[in-house]
């Protein structure tokens, strides 16, 4: 009976452990080797997937659309902006780079500030 409990405990512990293969950080952006300037928007999206956000505006006869892609590269959050004019890619740029630690610190500051406000209202 003890042997059975020991074996079952070992199986449960092993199944709960994390494995390194489940989540691997990227070493670099998927866009580092991209040479997509001039490609059309539909082909770009089919290759890289849907963006997390977009901007859209019209200047004269041109439709300008910016697509934003977010990547986690070794714990650094990188947002890459792809600018399309009339459905043709004309620019690729790093829009924003944040570390996870920076975001956590911002949240801590907000919580402290909001906590003080709540205490003053009591």
C-alpha atoms as a PDB file:
ATOM      1  CA  UNK A   1       0.000   0.000   0.000  1.00  0.00           C
ATOM      2  CA  UNK A   2       2.805   2.408   0.919  1.00  0.00           C
ATOM      3  CA  UNK A   3       4.598   1.546  -2.305  1.00  0.00           C
ATOM      4  CA  UNK A   4       1.473   2.370  -4.329  1.00  0.00           C
ATOM      5  CA  UNK A   5       1.057   5.705  -2.535  1.00  0.00           C
ATOM      6  CA  UNK A   6       4.733   6.482  -3.117  1.00  0.00           C
ATOM      7  CA  UNK A   7       4.450   5.717  -6.847  1.00  0.00           C
ATOM      8  CA  UNK A   8       1.252   7.777  -7.209  1.00  0.00           C
ATOM      9  CA  UNK A   9       2.863  10.686  -5.333  1.00  0.00           C
ATOM     10  CA  UNK A  10       5.888  10.552  -7.612  1.00  0.00           C
ATOM     11  CA  UNK A  11       3.679  10.564 -10.724  1.00  0.00           C
ATOM     12  CA  UNK A  12       1.705  13.565  -9.454  1.00  0.00           C
ATOM     13  CA  UNK A  13       4.876  15.497  -8.614  1.00  0.00           C
ATOM     14  CA  UNK A  14       6.474  14.726 -11.968  1.00  0.00           C
ATOM     15  CA  UNK A  15       3.343  15.708 -13.880  1.00  0.00           C
ATOM     16  CA  UNK A  16       3.166  19.044 -12.012  1.00  0.00           C
ATOM     17  CA  UNK A  17       6.759  20.025 -12.662  1.00  0.00           C
ATOM     18  CA  UNK A  18       7.474  22.617 -15.341  1.00  0.00           C
ATOM     19  CA  UNK A  19       9.428  21.664 -18.376  1.00  0.00           C
ATOM     20  CA  UNK A  20      11.756  23.998 -20.195  1.00  0.00           C
ATOM     21  CA  UNK A  21      10.419  23.050 -23.648  1.00  0.00           C
ATOM     22  CA  UNK A  22       6.935  24.388 -22.923  1.00  0.00           C
ATOM     23  CA  UNK A  23       7.987  28.010 -23.279  1.00  0.00           C
ATOM     24  CA  UNK A  24      11.126  29.135 -25.009  1.00  0.00           C
ATOM     25  CA  UNK A  25      12.141  32.754 -25.229  1.00  0.00           C
ATOM     26  CA  UNK A  26      12.927  33.972 -28.702  1.00  0.00           C
ATOM     27  CA  UNK A  27      16.562  34.934 -29.250  1.00  0.00           C
ATOM     28  CA  UNK A  28      15.666  37.689 -31.697  1.00  0.00           C
ATOM     29  CA  UNK A  29      12.676  39.238 -33.416  1.00  0.00           C
ATOM     30  CA  UNK A  30      11.088  37.355 -36.296  1.00  0.00           C
ATOM     31  CA  UNK A  31      11.376  40.630 -38.204  1.00  0.00           C
ATOM     32  CA  UNK A  32      15.183  40.857 -37.930  1.00  0.00           C
ATOM     33  CA  UNK A  33      15.682  38.904 -41.139  1.00  0.00           C
ATOM     34  CA  UNK A  34      12.514  40.197 -42.800  1.00  0.00           C
ATOM     35  CA  UNK A  35      13.106  41.863 -46.120  1.00  0.00           C
ATOM     36  CA  UNK A  36       9.484  42.559 -46.880  1.00  0.00           C
ATOM     37  CA  UNK A  37       9.521  46.202 -48.040  1.00  0.00           C
ATOM     38  CA  UNK A  38       7.216  46.553 -51.025  1.00  0.00           C
ATOM     39  CA  UNK A  39       5.166  43.456 -50.164  1.00  0.00           C
ATOM     40  CA  UNK A  40       1.401  43.759 -50.018  1.00  0.00           C
ATOM     41  CA  UNK A  41      -0.496  43.779 -46.736  1.00  0.00           C
ATOM     42  CA  UNK A  42      -2.476  40.571 -47.308  1.00  0.00           C
ATOM     43  CA  UNK A  43       0.693  38.554 -48.061  1.00  0.00           C
ATOM     44  CA  UNK A  44       2.447  40.066 -45.042  1.00  0.00           C
ATOM     45  CA  UNK A  45      -0.425  39.180 -42.688  1.00  0.00           C
ATOM     46  CA  UNK A  46      -0.647  35.648 -44.059  1.00  0.00           C
ATOM     47  CA  UNK A  47       3.077  35.204 -43.335  1.00  0.00           C
ATOM     48  CA  UNK A  48       3.302  36.895 -39.897  1.00  0.00           C
ATOM     49  CA  UNK A  49      -0.263  36.642 -38.585  1.00  0.00           C
ATOM     50  CA  UNK A  50      -2.737  39.198 -37.335  1.00  0.00           C
ATOM     51  CA  UNK A  51      -1.349  42.287 -35.584  1.00  0.00           C
ATOM     52  CA  UNK A  52      -2.223  43.196 -31.988  1.00  0.00           C
ATOM     53  CA  UNK A  53      -3.411  46.650 -33.068  1.00  0.00           C
ATOM     54  CA  UNK A  54      -3.526  49.030 -36.024  1.00  0.00           C
ATOM     55  CA  UNK A  55      -3.780  52.703 -36.985  1.00  0.00           C
ATOM     56  CA  UNK A  56      -5.586  53.852 -40.098  1.00  0.00           C
ATOM     57  CA  UNK A  57      -5.695  57.279 -41.760  1.00  0.00           C
ATOM     58  CA  UNK A  58      -6.066  58.932 -45.140  1.00  0.00           C
ATOM     59  CA  UNK A  59      -3.667  61.565 -46.483  1.00  0.00           C
ATOM     60  CA  UNK A  60      -4.752  62.941 -49.827  1.00  0.00           C
ATOM     61  CA  UNK A  61      -5.436  59.911 -52.008  1.00  0.00           C
ATOM     62  CA  UNK A  62      -3.250  57.605 -49.912  1.00  0.00           C
ATOM     63  CA  UNK A  63      -4.519  55.188 -47.261  1.00  0.00           C
ATOM     64  CA  UNK A  64      -1.912  54.796 -44.516  1.00  0.00           C
ATOM     65  CA  UNK A  65      -2.183  51.826 -42.195  1.00  0.00           C
ATOM     66  CA  UNK A  66       0.221  50.865 -39.417  1.00  0.00           C
ATOM     67  CA  UNK A  67       0.152  47.336 -37.999  1.00  0.00           C
ATOM     68  CA  UNK A  68       1.680  46.570 -34.591  1.00  0.00           C
ATOM     69  CA  UNK A  69       3.224  43.221 -33.631  1.00  0.00           C
ATOM     70  CA  UNK A  70       4.256  42.328 -30.060  1.00  0.00           C
ATOM     71  CA  UNK A  71       7.029  39.839 -29.267  1.00  0.00           C
ATOM     72  CA  UNK A  72       8.606  38.584 -26.054  1.00  0.00           C
ATOM     73  CA  UNK A  73      12.340  38.423 -26.698  1.00  0.00           C
ATOM     74  CA  UNK A  74      14.189  37.096 -23.641  1.00  0.00           C
ATOM     75  CA  UNK A  75      11.795  38.882 -21.287  1.00  0.00           C
ATOM     76  CA  UNK A  76      11.825  42.132 -23.257  1.00  0.00           C
ATOM     77  CA  UNK A  77       8.520  43.123 -24.839  1.00  0.00           C
ATOM     78  CA  UNK A  78       9.158  44.555 -28.328  1.00  0.00           C
ATOM     79  CA  UNK A  79       6.421  46.200 -30.379  1.00  0.00           C
ATOM     80  CA  UNK A  80       7.269  46.433 -34.078  1.00  0.00           C
ATOM     81  CA  UNK A  81       5.372  48.848 -36.317  1.00  0.00           C
ATOM     82  CA  UNK A  82       4.755  48.035 -39.972  1.00  0.00           C
ATOM     83  CA  UNK A  83       3.605  51.010 -42.071  1.00  0.00           C
ATOM     84  CA  UNK A  84       1.652  50.357 -45.258  1.00  0.00           C
ATOM     85  CA  UNK A  85       0.740  52.977 -47.854  1.00  0.00           C
ATOM     86  CA  UNK A  86      -2.009  51.813 -50.197  1.00  0.00           C
ATOM     87  CA  UNK A  87      -1.480  48.215 -49.005  1.00  0.00           C
ATOM     88  CA  UNK A  88       2.292  48.235 -49.735  1.00  0.00           C
ATOM     89  CA  UNK A  89       4.824  47.962 -46.893  1.00  0.00           C
ATOM     90  CA  UNK A  90       6.985  51.090 -46.862  1.00  0.00           C
ATOM     91  CA  UNK A  91       8.483  51.103 -43.350  1.00  0.00           C
ATOM     92  CA  UNK A  92       9.378  48.773 -40.480  1.00  0.00           C
ATOM     93  CA  UNK A  93      10.389  50.235 -37.111  1.00  0.00           C
ATOM     94  CA  UNK A  94      10.672  49.423 -33.419  1.00  0.00           C
ATOM     95  CA  UNK A  95       7.733  51.228 -31.912  1.00  0.00           C
ATOM     96  CA  UNK A  96       8.202  50.391 -28.233  1.00  0.00           C
ATOM     97  CA  UNK A  97      10.554  48.321 -26.108  1.00  0.00           C
ATOM     98  CA  UNK A  98       9.615  47.455 -22.494  1.00  0.00           C
ATOM     99  CA  UNK A  99      11.002  45.061 -19.959  1.00  0.00           C
ATOM    100  CA  UNK A 100       8.685  43.006 -17.800  1.00  0.00           C
ATOM    101  CA  UNK A 101      10.420  44.463 -14.703  1.00  0.00           C
ATOM    102  CA  UNK A 102       9.631  48.006 -15.871  1.00  0.00           C
ATOM    103  CA  UNK A 103       5.943  47.137 -16.271  1.00  0.00           C
ATOM    104  CA  UNK A 104       5.827  45.529 -12.817  1.00  0.00           C
ATOM    105  CA  UNK A 105       7.413  48.616 -11.266  1.00  0.00           C
ATOM    106  CA  UNK A 106       4.809  50.837 -12.990  1.00  0.00           C
ATOM    107  CA  UNK A 107       2.034  48.646 -11.565  1.00  0.00           C
ATOM    108  CA  UNK A 108       3.538  48.823  -8.066  1.00  0.00           C
ATOM    109  CA  UNK A 109       3.685  52.627  -8.290  1.00  0.00           C
ATOM    110  CA  UNK A 110       0.081  52.808  -9.470  1.00  0.00           C
ATOM    111  CA  UNK A 111      -1.061  50.505  -6.668  1.00  0.00           C
ATOM    112  CA  UNK A 112       0.747  52.593  -4.046  1.00  0.00           C
ATOM    113  CA  UNK A 113      -0.683  55.839  -5.450  1.00  0.00           C
ATOM    114  CA  UNK A 114      -4.214  54.463  -5.705  1.00  0.00           C
ATOM    115  CA  UNK A 115      -3.942  52.936  -2.217  1.00  0.00           C
ATOM    116  CA  UNK A 116      -3.059  56.334  -0.753  1.00  0.00           C
ATOM    117  CA  UNK A 117      -6.010  57.918  -2.535  1.00  0.00           C
ATOM    118  CA  UNK A 118      -8.382  55.287  -1.173  1.00  0.00           C
ATOM    119  CA  UNK A 119      -7.039  55.766   2.392  1.00  0.00           C
ATOM    120  CA  UNK A 120      -7.526  59.549   2.153  1.00  0.00           C
ATOM    121  CA  UNK A 121     -11.159  59.048   1.116  1.00  0.00           C
ATOM    122  CA  UNK A 122     -11.937  56.965   4.212  1.00  0.00           C
END
